Protein backbone atom coordinates (compact mmCIF):
# COMPACT_ATOMS: atom_id res chain seq x y z
CA ALA A 1 0.06 0.05 0.04
CA VAL A 2 2.81 2.39 0.87
CA MET A 3 4.58 1.64 -2.34
CA VAL A 4 1.44 2.62 -4.21
CA LEU A 5 1.06 5.81 -2.37
CA ALA A 6 4.71 6.82 -3.04
CA THR A 7 4.13 6.43 -6.72
CA CYS A 8 0.59 7.56 -7.26
CA GLU A 9 -0.59 11.12 -7.61
CA HIS A 10 -3.89 10.62 -6.07
CA LYS A 11 -4.75 10.43 -2.41
CA ILE A 12 -5.85 6.90 -1.75
CA SER A 13 -8.16 5.52 0.86
CA TYR A 14 -7.45 1.76 1.27
CA LEU A 15 -9.77 -0.98 2.62
CA MET A 16 -8.00 -2.85 5.39
CA ALA A 17 -8.88 -5.92 7.34
CA TYR A 18 -10.41 -5.00 10.85
CA THR A 19 -7.91 -7.29 12.56
CA SER A 20 -5.13 -5.12 11.25
CA TRP A 21 -6.92 -1.97 12.06
CA LYS A 22 -7.16 -2.96 15.66
CA ARG A 23 -3.46 -3.44 15.88
CA ARG A 24 -1.45 -0.63 17.51
CA ILE A 25 0.66 1.49 15.22
CA VAL A 26 -0.88 -0.17 12.13
CA GLY A 27 -4.23 1.11 13.14
CA ASP A 28 -2.88 4.60 13.95
CA ILE A 29 -1.17 4.91 10.62
CA ALA A 30 -4.24 3.52 8.92
CA TRP A 31 -6.48 6.10 10.65
CA ALA A 32 -4.13 8.97 9.51
CA LEU A 33 -4.34 7.57 5.98
CA ASP A 34 -8.29 7.58 6.05
CA VAL A 35 -8.47 3.93 5.67
CA VAL A 36 -11.86 1.97 5.72
CA PRO A 37 -11.71 -1.10 8.01
CA VAL A 38 -13.41 -4.22 6.84
CA LYS A 39 -14.45 -7.13 8.86
CA ARG A 40 -13.71 -10.35 7.00
CA ALA A 41 -15.33 -13.73 7.37
CA GLN A 42 -11.91 -15.57 7.36
CA ASP A 43 -10.93 -13.58 10.41
CA GLN A 44 -13.85 -14.88 12.37
CA PHE A 45 -13.89 -18.48 11.33
CA LYS A 46 -14.50 -21.38 13.83
CA ASN A 47 -13.76 -24.99 13.54
CA GLY A 48 -16.68 -27.25 12.57
CA ILE A 49 -17.69 -30.15 14.68
CA GLY A 50 -17.27 -33.59 13.02
CA THR A 51 -16.11 -34.34 9.34
CA ILE A 52 -17.55 -33.83 5.88
CA THR A 53 -17.51 -35.16 2.26
CA MET A 54 -18.69 -33.23 -0.78
CA THR A 55 -20.31 -34.28 -4.02
CA TYR A 56 -21.89 -32.38 -6.87
CA ILE A 57 -25.62 -32.61 -7.23
CA THR A 58 -25.72 -30.57 -10.42
CA PRO A 59 -23.27 -30.38 -13.41
CA LYS A 60 -20.11 -28.48 -12.45
CA ASP A 61 -20.65 -26.15 -15.38
CA ALA A 62 -24.28 -25.34 -14.66
CA PRO A 63 -25.36 -21.81 -14.26
CA ALA A 64 -26.01 -22.27 -10.59
CA PRO A 65 -24.02 -25.50 -9.55
CA LEU A 66 -24.80 -26.97 -6.20
CA ILE A 67 -22.82 -29.21 -3.79
CA LYS A 68 -24.04 -31.57 -1.29
CA VAL A 69 -22.09 -31.59 1.84
CA SER A 70 -22.53 -34.73 4.02
CA GLY A 71 -21.46 -34.66 7.55
CA VAL A 72 -20.35 -37.34 10.04
CA GLY A 73 -20.85 -36.32 13.65
CA THR A 74 -21.72 -32.78 12.65
CA GLN A 75 -24.19 -30.21 14.06
CA PHE A 76 -25.15 -28.14 11.09
CA THR A 77 -28.32 -26.91 12.58
CA GLN A 78 -26.61 -25.40 15.58
CA GLN A 79 -23.51 -24.16 13.93
CA LEU A 80 -24.69 -22.77 10.52
CA LYS A 81 -26.97 -20.13 9.27
CA ILE A 82 -28.14 -19.27 5.77
CA GLY A 83 -25.25 -17.19 4.29
CA ASP A 84 -22.49 -18.85 6.30
CA LYS A 85 -19.75 -20.49 4.36
CA ILE A 86 -17.99 -23.92 4.63
CA ARG A 87 -14.25 -24.20 3.83
CA PRO A 88 -12.55 -27.41 3.38
CA PRO A 89 -8.91 -27.79 4.79
CA GLY A 90 -5.85 -26.56 2.86
CA THR A 91 -7.74 -24.07 0.66
CA ALA A 92 -8.86 -20.38 0.65
CA ILE A 93 -12.15 -21.25 -1.12
CA ALA A 94 -15.22 -21.08 0.98
CA LEU A 95 -18.59 -22.01 -0.31
CA LYS A 96 -21.87 -20.29 0.86
CA MET A 97 -24.67 -22.36 2.21
CA ALA A 98 -27.81 -22.40 0.19
CA LYS A 99 -29.88 -24.91 2.05
CA LEU A 100 -29.76 -26.35 5.55
CA VAL A 101 -31.28 -29.97 5.29
CA SER A 102 -30.29 -31.54 8.61
CA ASP A 103 -27.62 -31.89 11.23
CA THR A 104 -25.70 -33.96 8.72
CA GLU A 105 -26.44 -32.47 5.35
CA VAL A 106 -26.37 -29.00 3.83
CA VAL A 107 -26.37 -27.71 0.16
CA VAL A 108 -23.83 -25.05 -0.79
CA ASP A 109 -23.44 -22.78 -3.82
CA ALA A 110 -20.55 -23.98 -5.89
CA THR A 111 -20.35 -20.93 -8.16
CA ASP A 112 -17.04 -19.90 -6.56
CA ALA A 113 -15.65 -23.53 -6.34
CA GLY A 114 -13.37 -22.98 -9.27
CA ALA A 115 -10.63 -25.65 -9.22
CA LEU A 116 -11.47 -26.89 -5.80
CA GLU A 117 -11.01 -30.60 -5.38
CA LEU A 118 -13.93 -31.98 -3.43
CA PRO A 119 -12.99 -34.24 -0.49
CA VAL A 120 -14.35 -37.71 -1.04
CA GLU A 121 -12.87 -38.93 2.27
CA PRO A 122 -14.13 -37.42 5.58
CA VAL A 123 -12.12 -34.34 6.42
CA ALA A 124 -12.30 -31.47 8.91
CA PHE A 125 -13.78 -28.10 7.92
CA ASP A 126 -14.01 -24.46 8.88
CA ILE A 127 -17.16 -22.29 9.22
CA LEU A 128 -17.06 -18.66 8.05
CA PRO A 129 -19.86 -16.54 9.44
CA LYS A 130 -21.75 -14.12 7.18
CA VAL A 131 -20.57 -10.67 7.55
CA ASP A 132 -22.81 -7.62 6.81
CA GLN A 133 -20.76 -5.17 4.86
CA LYS A 134 -23.50 -2.55 4.26
CA VAL A 135 -21.83 0.20 6.33
CA VAL A 136 -18.47 -0.46 4.65
CA TYR A 137 -20.05 -0.21 1.20
CA GLU A 138 -21.92 3.05 2.10
CA LYS A 139 -18.61 4.66 3.24
CA VAL A 140 -16.84 3.45 0.00
CA LEU A 141 -19.66 4.63 -2.18
CA ASP A 142 -19.61 8.06 -0.50
CA LYS A 143 -15.83 8.52 -1.07
CA LEU A 144 -16.21 7.64 -4.70
CA ALA A 145 -19.26 9.91 -5.24
CA SER A 146 -17.19 12.82 -3.80
CA GLY A 147 -14.39 12.22 -6.23
CA GLY A 148 -12.12 10.06 -3.91
CA THR A 149 -9.94 7.07 -4.90
CA ILE A 150 -10.27 3.77 -3.16
CA GLY A 151 -7.39 1.15 -2.92
CA ILE A 152 -8.42 -2.38 -2.65
CA PHE A 153 -6.48 -5.79 -2.78
CA PRO A 154 -9.15 -7.88 -4.49
CA GLU A 155 -7.63 -11.22 -3.51
CA GLY A 156 -8.77 -10.54 0.10
CA GLY A 157 -5.36 -10.84 1.76
CA SER A 158 -1.59 -11.05 1.37
CA HIS A 159 0.33 -14.16 0.22
CA ASP A 160 3.71 -15.11 -1.23
CA ARG A 161 2.51 -17.18 -4.16
CA THR A 162 3.56 -16.46 -7.73
CA ASP A 163 -0.01 -16.36 -9.12
CA LEU A 164 -3.25 -14.55 -8.14
CA LEU A 165 -5.66 -16.05 -5.71
CA PRO A 166 -9.42 -16.17 -6.78
CA LEU A 167 -10.65 -12.49 -6.58
CA LYS A 168 -13.37 -11.52 -4.03
CA VAL A 169 -16.70 -10.30 -5.49
CA GLY A 170 -16.49 -7.08 -3.32
CA ILE A 171 -14.88 -4.93 -5.93
CA ALA A 172 -17.42 -5.86 -8.52
CA LEU A 173 -20.27 -5.03 -6.21
CA ILE A 174 -18.63 -1.53 -5.42
CA ALA A 175 -18.21 -0.75 -9.04
CA TYR A 176 -21.89 -1.86 -10.02
CA ASN A 177 -23.40 -0.13 -6.96
CA ALA A 178 -21.53 3.22 -7.77
CA LEU A 179 -22.93 2.87 -11.39
CA GLU A 180 -26.50 2.19 -10.18
CA LYS A 181 -26.77 4.63 -7.17
CA ASP A 182 -24.56 7.61 -8.26
CA GLY A 183 -24.35 7.11 -12.04
CA ILE A 184 -20.61 6.94 -11.82
CA ASN A 185 -18.81 4.52 -14.04
CA ILE A 186 -15.69 4.33 -11.98
CA PRO A 187 -12.27 3.41 -13.73
CA ILE A 188 -10.82 0.27 -12.15
CA ILE A 189 -6.96 0.61 -12.51
CA PRO A 190 -4.86 -2.63 -12.01
CA ILE A 191 -1.61 -2.05 -10.22
CA GLY A 192 1.10 -4.71 -10.33
CA LEU A 193 3.62 -4.91 -7.25
CA ASN A 194 6.62 -6.90 -8.29
CA TYR A 195 9.01 -7.55 -5.45
CA PHE A 196 12.54 -9.06 -5.55
CA GLN A 197 13.26 -10.39 -2.03
CA GLY A 198 10.52 -8.25 -0.56
CA HIS A 199 11.09 -9.66 2.95
CA LYS A 200 14.51 -7.85 3.20
CA PHE A 201 15.32 -4.28 3.94
CA ARG A 202 16.23 -2.08 0.93
CA ALA A 203 15.00 -4.71 -1.47
CA ARG A 204 13.90 -3.69 -5.14
CA ALA A 205 10.28 -3.34 -6.28
CA VAL A 206 8.72 -2.55 -9.51
CA VAL A 207 5.23 -0.84 -9.50
CA GLU A 208 3.33 -1.01 -12.69
CA TYR A 209 -0.02 0.61 -13.67
CA GLY A 210 -2.25 -0.88 -16.24
CA ARG A 211 -4.99 0.57 -18.40
CA PRO A 212 -8.27 1.35 -16.53
CA ILE A 213 -11.34 -0.95 -16.86
CA TYR A 214 -14.83 0.29 -17.14
CA ILE A 215 -18.20 -1.46 -16.56
CA ASP A 216 -20.30 -1.97 -19.78
CA PRO A 217 -23.49 0.08 -18.99
CA LYS A 218 -25.55 -2.52 -20.87
CA THR A 219 -24.88 -5.04 -18.12
CA LEU A 220 -26.38 -2.77 -15.40
CA PRO A 221 -30.06 -4.12 -15.90
CA ASP A 222 -28.78 -7.65 -15.29
CA PHE A 223 -27.09 -6.50 -12.07
CA VAL A 224 -30.24 -4.87 -10.93
CA LYS A 225 -32.38 -7.88 -11.45
CA GLY A 226 -30.21 -9.93 -8.95
CA GLY A 227 -29.89 -13.61 -8.79
CA GLY A 228 -28.02 -15.55 -11.34
CA GLN A 229 -27.93 -12.71 -13.75
CA ARG A 230 -26.13 -10.39 -11.08
CA ARG A 231 -23.84 -13.26 -10.29
CA HIS A 232 -22.90 -13.68 -14.05
CA VAL A 233 -22.15 -10.00 -14.78
CA CYS A 234 -20.06 -9.73 -11.57
CA ASN A 235 -18.16 -12.80 -12.47
CA GLU A 236 -17.55 -11.46 -15.97
CA LEU A 237 -16.19 -8.18 -14.39
CA LEU A 238 -13.92 -10.12 -11.99
CA ALA A 239 -12.60 -12.05 -14.93
CA ARG A 240 -11.68 -8.77 -16.77
CA ILE A 241 -10.05 -7.38 -13.56
CA GLU A 242 -8.03 -10.57 -13.19
CA ASP A 243 -6.85 -10.32 -16.83
CA ALA A 244 -5.94 -6.70 -16.21
CA MET A 245 -3.96 -7.59 -13.03
CA LYS A 246 -1.99 -10.36 -14.74
CA SER A 247 -1.04 -7.91 -17.51
CA VAL A 248 1.06 -5.93 -14.92
CA LEU A 249 2.38 -9.06 -13.14
CA THR A 250 4.58 -12.08 -14.01
CA THR A 251 2.60 -15.05 -12.94
CA THR A 252 4.11 -18.53 -12.94
CA PRO A 253 3.02 -21.95 -11.58
CA ASP A 254 5.73 -21.78 -8.80
CA TYR A 255 8.58 -19.96 -7.52
CA GLN A 256 11.26 -22.14 -9.16
CA THR A 257 9.73 -21.41 -12.53
CA LEU A 258 9.77 -17.72 -11.85
CA GLN A 259 13.48 -17.93 -10.97
CA GLN A 260 14.33 -19.92 -14.15
CA ILE A 261 12.49 -17.21 -16.08
CA HIS A 262 14.43 -14.34 -14.71
CA THR A 263 17.69 -16.34 -15.44
CA ALA A 264 16.57 -17.02 -18.97
CA ARG A 265 15.72 -13.33 -19.63
CA ARG A 266 19.21 -12.27 -18.41
CA LEU A 267 20.81 -14.81 -20.58
CA TYR A 268 18.76 -13.85 -23.61
CA GLN A 269 19.00 -10.13 -23.43
CA ARG A 270 21.69 -8.56 -25.55
CA LYS A 271 21.90 -5.24 -23.77
CA GLU A 272 20.94 -3.68 -20.46
CA LEU A 273 17.22 -3.00 -20.33
CA LEU A 274 14.89 -0.54 -18.40
CA ALA A 275 12.79 -1.99 -15.59
CA SER A 276 9.79 -1.85 -17.75
CA GLU A 277 11.53 -3.75 -20.72
CA LYS A 278 12.72 -6.38 -18.25
CA GLN A 279 9.19 -6.82 -16.98
CA ASP A 280 7.94 -7.18 -20.51
CA MET A 281 10.55 -9.73 -21.39
CA ASN A 282 9.78 -11.69 -18.26
CA ARG A 283 6.10 -11.94 -19.26
CA ARG A 284 7.04 -13.10 -22.77
CA PHE A 285 9.06 -15.93 -21.28
CA ALA A 286 6.23 -16.81 -18.70
CA GLU A 287 3.50 -16.72 -21.35
CA GLY A 288 5.75 -18.72 -23.88
CA PHE A 289 6.39 -21.35 -21.14
CA ARG A 290 2.59 -21.62 -20.55
CA ARG A 291 1.80 -21.98 -24.20
CA LEU A 292 4.60 -24.57 -24.78
CA VAL A 293 3.27 -26.74 -21.86
CA GLU A 294 -0.25 -26.40 -23.08
CA ILE A 295 0.67 -27.21 -26.74
CA HIS A 296 2.41 -30.43 -25.62
CA GLU A 297 -0.28 -31.26 -23.18
CA GLY A 298 2.02 -31.13 -20.10
CA THR A 299 4.95 -32.84 -21.58
CA PRO A 300 7.22 -30.39 -23.27
CA PRO A 301 9.88 -31.45 -25.80
CA GLN A 302 13.12 -33.02 -24.60
CA ASP A 303 15.33 -30.16 -25.76
CA PHE A 304 13.17 -27.81 -23.61
CA VAL A 305 13.47 -30.16 -20.66
CA ASP A 306 17.34 -30.31 -21.19
CA LEU A 307 17.45 -26.44 -21.40
CA GLN A 308 15.43 -26.18 -18.16
CA THR A 309 17.75 -28.56 -16.46
CA ASN A 310 20.88 -26.67 -17.64
CA ILE A 311 19.44 -23.35 -16.52
CA GLN A 312 18.64 -24.73 -13.05
CA ALA A 313 22.21 -26.20 -12.76
CA TYR A 314 23.68 -22.86 -13.84
CA ARG A 315 21.53 -21.19 -11.12
CA LYS A 316 22.72 -23.70 -8.48
CA GLU A 317 26.26 -23.22 -9.31
CA LEU A 318 25.97 -19.41 -8.98
CA GLN A 319 24.24 -19.81 -5.60
CA GLU A 320 26.96 -22.01 -4.25
CA LEU A 321 29.62 -19.74 -5.32
CA GLY A 322 27.87 -16.71 -4.09
CA ILE A 323 28.13 -14.61 -7.27
CA ARG A 324 25.65 -12.97 -9.62
CA ASP A 325 25.07 -13.68 -13.24
CA TYR A 326 26.31 -10.16 -14.29
CA GLN A 327 29.66 -10.96 -12.70
CA VAL A 328 30.30 -14.02 -14.86
CA ALA A 329 31.03 -12.04 -18.01
CA GLY A 330 33.86 -10.18 -16.11
CA LEU A 331 35.60 -13.39 -15.26
CA ASP A 332 35.86 -14.12 -19.13
CA ARG A 333 37.28 -10.76 -19.90
CA GLU A 334 40.05 -11.13 -17.34
CA GLU A 335 41.41 -14.30 -19.06
CA THR A 336 41.87 -12.50 -22.54
CA GLU A 337 43.07 -9.06 -21.54
CA ASP A 338 46.48 -7.75 -22.24
CA GLU A 339 49.17 -6.28 -19.87
CA ARG A 340 47.66 -2.73 -20.15
CA ASP A 341 44.16 -4.00 -19.44
CA SER A 342 45.63 -6.06 -16.53
CA ALA A 343 47.24 -3.01 -14.94
CA LEU A 344 44.00 -1.03 -15.20
CA ARG A 345 42.04 -4.08 -13.74
CA THR A 346 44.43 -4.10 -10.86
CA MET A 347 44.07 -0.43 -10.24
CA ARG A 348 40.32 -0.84 -10.41
CA LEU A 349 40.47 -3.73 -7.90
CA LEU A 350 42.56 -1.62 -5.45
CA TYR A 351 40.13 1.17 -5.86
CA GLN A 352 37.21 -1.02 -5.05
CA ILE A 353 38.97 -2.34 -1.99
CA PHE A 354 39.69 1.04 -0.73
CA HIS A 355 36.18 2.31 -1.45
CA MET A 356 34.76 -0.69 0.41
CA LEU A 357 36.99 -0.24 3.45
CA PHE A 358 36.34 3.66 3.39
CA CYS A 359 32.53 3.04 3.29
CA MET A 360 32.69 0.39 6.11
CA ALA A 361 34.79 2.66 8.22
CA ILE A 362 32.42 5.66 7.94
CA ALA A 363 29.32 3.38 8.54
CA ALA A 364 30.83 1.25 11.24
CA LEU A 365 30.09 3.16 14.44
CA PRO A 366 26.62 4.52 13.55
CA THR A 367 25.61 1.07 12.04
CA ILE A 368 26.78 -0.85 15.08
CA CYS A 369 25.20 1.66 17.51
CA LEU A 370 22.07 2.76 15.73
CA ASN A 371 21.08 0.23 13.10
CA LEU A 372 22.38 -3.16 14.03
CA PRO A 373 20.43 -3.63 17.34
CA VAL A 374 17.18 -2.69 15.59
CA GLY A 375 17.97 -4.97 12.63
CA LEU A 376 18.75 -8.01 14.63
CA ILE A 377 15.79 -7.62 16.94
CA SER A 378 13.34 -6.88 14.00
CA ARG A 379 14.58 -9.94 12.08
CA LEU A 380 13.99 -12.26 15.06
CA TYR A 381 10.57 -10.81 15.68
CA ALA A 382 9.58 -10.96 11.92
CA GLU A 383 10.59 -14.56 11.85
CA ARG A 384 8.48 -15.33 14.85
CA ARG A 385 5.47 -13.53 13.28
CA ARG A 386 6.08 -15.37 9.97
CA LYS A 387 5.67 -18.69 11.58
CA LYS A 388 2.59 -17.61 13.47
CA ALA A 389 1.06 -16.37 10.11
CA LEU A 390 2.07 -19.51 8.14
CA ALA A 391 0.28 -21.71 10.91
CA LYS A 392 -2.84 -19.55 10.53
CA SER A 393 -3.00 -19.20 6.77
CA LYS A 394 -4.53 -21.58 4.20
CA VAL A 395 -2.81 -20.01 1.23
CA LYS A 396 0.75 -18.87 2.26
CA ILE A 397 3.69 -20.93 1.12
CA HIS A 398 6.53 -19.59 3.36
CA ALA A 399 4.64 -16.32 4.73
CA ARG A 400 7.48 -14.22 3.76
CA ASP A 401 4.86 -11.48 2.68
CA VAL A 402 4.47 -10.58 6.36
CA MET A 403 8.00 -10.22 7.31
CA MET A 404 8.83 -6.77 5.75
CA THR A 405 5.61 -5.39 7.41
CA GLU A 406 6.58 -6.66 10.80
CA LYS A 407 10.09 -5.32 10.43
CA VAL A 408 8.95 -1.85 9.59
CA LEU A 409 6.34 -1.66 12.34
CA LEU A 410 8.79 -2.76 15.04
CA SER A 411 11.44 -0.47 13.78
CA ILE A 412 8.98 2.43 14.02
CA VAL A 413 8.86 1.67 17.80
CA LEU A 414 12.55 0.59 18.43
CA VAL A 415 14.34 3.35 16.44
CA PRO A 416 13.07 6.26 18.53
CA THR A 417 13.19 4.28 21.71
CA LEU A 418 16.94 3.79 21.10
CA TRP A 419 17.42 7.31 20.40
CA VAL A 420 15.81 8.23 23.65
CA ILE A 421 17.87 5.85 25.47
CA TYR A 422 21.16 7.16 23.88
CA ALA A 423 19.97 10.86 24.64
CA PHE A 424 19.44 9.85 28.27
CA VAL A 425 22.87 8.24 28.64
CA PHE A 426 24.49 11.33 26.83
CA TYR A 427 22.79 13.81 29.03
CA PHE A 428 23.62 12.08 32.46
CA PHE A 429 26.91 10.48 31.81
CA ILE A 430 28.71 12.12 29.00
CA SER A 431 27.73 15.73 28.48
CA ASP A 432 27.71 16.59 32.30
CA ARG A 433 23.90 17.45 31.85
CA ASN A 434 24.49 19.93 29.03
CA GLY A 435 21.04 20.52 27.51
CA GLU A 436 22.06 22.15 24.29
CA ALA A 437 24.69 19.49 23.47
CA THR A 438 22.07 16.82 24.28
CA VAL A 439 19.58 18.23 21.92
CA LEU A 440 22.16 18.68 19.22
CA PHE A 441 23.28 15.02 19.72
CA THR A 442 19.59 13.74 19.58
CA LEU A 443 18.86 15.61 16.46
CA SER A 444 21.97 14.33 14.71
CA MET A 445 21.06 10.71 15.18
CA PRO A 446 18.49 10.44 12.31
CA LEU A 447 21.05 11.95 10.08
CA PHE A 448 23.87 9.59 11.25
CA SER A 449 21.47 6.68 11.05
CA TYR A 450 20.37 7.41 7.46
CA THR A 451 23.91 8.13 6.28
CA SER A 452 25.19 4.87 7.75
CA ILE A 453 22.37 2.91 5.81
CA ILE A 454 23.47 4.49 2.51
CA VAL A 455 27.16 4.24 2.98
CA ALA A 456 26.81 0.70 4.21
CA GLU A 457 24.86 -0.18 1.28
CA SER A 458 27.51 1.15 -1.12
CA GLY A 459 30.05 -0.83 0.84
CA MET A 460 28.02 -4.03 0.65
CA VAL A 461 27.87 -3.53 -3.26
CA GLY A 462 31.53 -3.22 -3.31
CA MET A 463 31.95 -6.33 -1.21
CA LYS A 464 29.77 -8.20 -3.75
CA ASP A 465 31.85 -7.07 -6.55
CA LEU A 466 35.01 -8.35 -4.83
CA ARG A 467 33.68 -11.73 -3.96
CA PRO A 468 34.83 -13.47 -7.36
CA TYR A 469 38.33 -12.16 -6.64
CA LEU A 470 38.23 -13.49 -2.96
CA MET A 471 36.83 -16.92 -4.28
CA ARG A 472 39.85 -17.24 -6.53
CA LEU A 473 42.13 -17.66 -3.57
CA VAL A 474 40.60 -21.07 -2.96
CA PRO A 475 41.94 -23.66 -5.49
CA SER A 476 38.71 -25.68 -5.65
CA THR A 477 36.52 -22.58 -6.42
CA ARG A 478 39.21 -21.14 -8.76
CA ARG A 479 38.54 -24.08 -11.33
CA ARG A 480 34.77 -23.70 -10.96
CA LEU A 481 34.98 -19.91 -11.50
CA ALA A 482 37.10 -20.38 -14.62
CA ALA A 483 34.59 -22.84 -16.06
CA LEU A 484 31.56 -20.51 -15.50
CA PRO A 485 31.97 -18.23 -18.58
CA ALA A 486 32.14 -21.06 -21.04
CA THR A 487 29.15 -22.61 -19.34
CA ARG A 488 27.23 -19.35 -19.66
CA LYS A 489 28.05 -18.91 -23.37
CA THR A 490 27.03 -22.48 -24.11
CA LEU A 491 23.84 -21.98 -22.32
CA GLN A 492 23.21 -18.61 -23.90
CA LYS A 493 23.68 -20.16 -27.24
CA GLU A 494 21.29 -22.99 -26.52
CA LEU A 495 18.69 -20.62 -25.33
CA ARG A 496 18.83 -18.31 -28.24
CA THR A 497 18.88 -21.14 -30.65
CA PHE A 498 15.71 -22.73 -28.91
CA VAL A 499 13.96 -19.41 -28.98
CA LYS A 500 14.80 -18.82 -32.61
CA LYS A 501 13.37 -22.33 -33.38
CA LEU A 502 10.21 -21.96 -31.54
CA GLY A 503 9.74 -18.30 -31.55
CA PRO A 504 7.84 -17.92 -34.92
CA SER A 505 5.18 -20.30 -33.66
CA MET A 506 4.51 -17.92 -30.77
CA GLY A 507 3.41 -15.10 -33.09
CA GLU A 508 3.22 -11.73 -31.44
CA LEU A 509 5.24 -12.87 -28.51
CA TYR A 510 8.14 -13.20 -30.58
CA TYR A 511 7.61 -10.64 -33.43
CA GLY A 512 5.65 -7.99 -31.47
CA LYS A 513 7.58 -4.96 -30.29
CA LYS A 514 4.99 -3.65 -27.94
CA LEU A 515 2.33 -6.03 -26.69
CA ASP A 516 -1.22 -5.41 -25.33
CA TRP A 517 -0.91 -7.66 -22.26
CA ASN A 518 -4.45 -7.10 -21.33
CA ALA A 519 -5.70 -8.49 -24.52
CA ILE A 520 -3.26 -11.36 -24.36
CA GLN A 521 -4.64 -12.25 -21.00
CA GLU A 522 -8.25 -11.99 -22.07
CA LYS A 523 -7.48 -14.30 -25.12
CA ARG A 524 -5.79 -16.74 -22.75
CA ARG A 525 -8.92 -16.73 -20.41
CA GLN A 526 -11.31 -17.27 -23.31
CA SER A 527 -9.19 -20.14 -24.75
CA ASP A 528 -9.03 -21.81 -21.26
CA THR A 529 -12.80 -21.38 -20.97
CA LEU A 530 -13.34 -23.13 -24.30
CA ARG A 531 -11.02 -25.90 -23.51
CA ARG A 532 -12.76 -26.68 -20.26
CA GLU A 533 -16.23 -26.44 -21.96
CA SER A 534 -14.99 -28.93 -24.63
CA GLU A 535 -13.59 -31.22 -22.04
CA VAL A 536 -16.88 -31.16 -20.28
CA ASP A 537 -18.73 -31.86 -23.52
CA LEU A 538 -16.40 -34.76 -24.22
CA LYS A 539 -16.96 -36.36 -20.82
CA MET A 540 -20.64 -36.00 -21.10
CA LEU A 541 -20.42 -37.64 -24.63
CA LEU A 542 -18.35 -40.53 -23.31
CA LYS A 543 -20.79 -40.94 -20.43
CA GLU A 544 -23.70 -41.24 -22.75
CA GLU A 545 -21.94 -43.66 -24.83
CA ASN A 546 -21.02 -45.85 -21.80
CA VAL A 547 -24.75 -45.75 -20.86
CA LYS A 548 -25.95 -46.82 -24.39
CA GLU A 549 -23.52 -49.72 -24.73
CA PRO A 550 -24.97 -51.63 -21.77
CA GLU A 551 -28.40 -51.02 -23.06
CA LEU A 552 -27.54 -52.48 -26.45
CA GLN A 553 -25.95 -55.48 -24.84
CA GLN A 554 -29.18 -56.16 -22.91
CA GLU A 555 -31.15 -55.89 -26.09
CA GLY A 556 -28.83 -58.28 -27.83
CA SER A 557 -29.11 -60.80 -25.07
CA LYS A 558 -32.83 -60.72 -25.16
CA LYS A 559 -32.81 -61.43 -28.92
CA ASP A 560 -30.44 -64.43 -28.29
CA GLN A 561 -32.87 -65.78 -25.79
């Protein structure tokens, strides 16, 4: 949220979970930023009594699909009310109850089931109570009607996955209600937050803004009618919003695939790129990977598998040696340089060592006294909070998404507390109770703290650049470092040959200079929908054929008799 505030010209009022709103410091900052608190059903869940199994009682692709929930030892009549939701274990998908039959049977609306795998064996379950959001919607609509801007995370919470979670319907309801009640067709602007090691201090992030989305006014009558028609137009809008969000993100099946795509992009590029150009190329590789797997029905060609294996091995070698890909090219140049170049390299190396030592010397005292205690304590605290968040979450993988927030929140408290302690010690034990000197000392601490961060960061960059030279002092790593440039060149050649061979079949991904990622995501969604419908039709056809075959066998046996 702060990243968007720092890059957006508009004043944004965010929607925030009520549980976060109640926390000290977070809630205070949220109040100052005019945040609207929202009570979420997942924050008030309770464990259901007994176990359940689920089965479809209507076709999965029906306009209003239904699922029967059968319980063992359950108390549905006591624990559930109409509008409550049932959530199976290990998923964030919760299904709204449509009909309460008995203590051991309920019917739920399966519209939002998506790719949920229904439990056929008895499993535990959670109950998410119905939450009335009428007051929240009124506040949000008032802000929009007065020309305000609302920020919302439509997935309903944070996570550390490499793809989007199913979007909540709230954003669609807000947009349609604004059009119905105030006649405002509000622009919905997708924002992509792309983090690189976002759980660490001073990590990089790329913020991308996509093209605005508008509601088609012709769909408003269907929304007003309610029921299945309202659900349909809301789902259509959510699908468009999801397409737009993916157009400003790089989505992959898992983190390992994302890392391989970043490595492939660095190997393929022929010159240094801008941040936006890097993101565009990352998305091209990610979309090409998806299409390749889809074309070959999950079994890509052997040359692609070999290329993947080689890229993974190259990444592993870099990680073990502790160097970056951009440093490998420098290792190759050092082997072919002449005496003059060697002398220049030696002078540059001496300068880097001096620069690193100089930066470290300047930053040493303020870093040790002002930043190091806060950094160590916040790291331990964030790790503790990460484990707690991971235990409570149904969607987080490692829960690293909460670490940076916890570090910042604790630092907001620890940093001024440490300054006050130092000021107290300076006043009573060093300055002989000199008030002016103490004030000057206290006011200088923020400057010293910030300067030490910048200088130490510069020193750390120099240390990373020196690492290949230090690694050459060890005989075993010297041979591995010497082999890296040739390995990189071979891998680069293999990758470019493979892209040149396969690229023309990818059409605009290969030839297009500037792509409309929103349109590409929309085509991708439509093709996925058509494929799923064709698979359902094929299953139904096979089912009919299987039913007809026993009937024909029975008729034949009667004729024989």
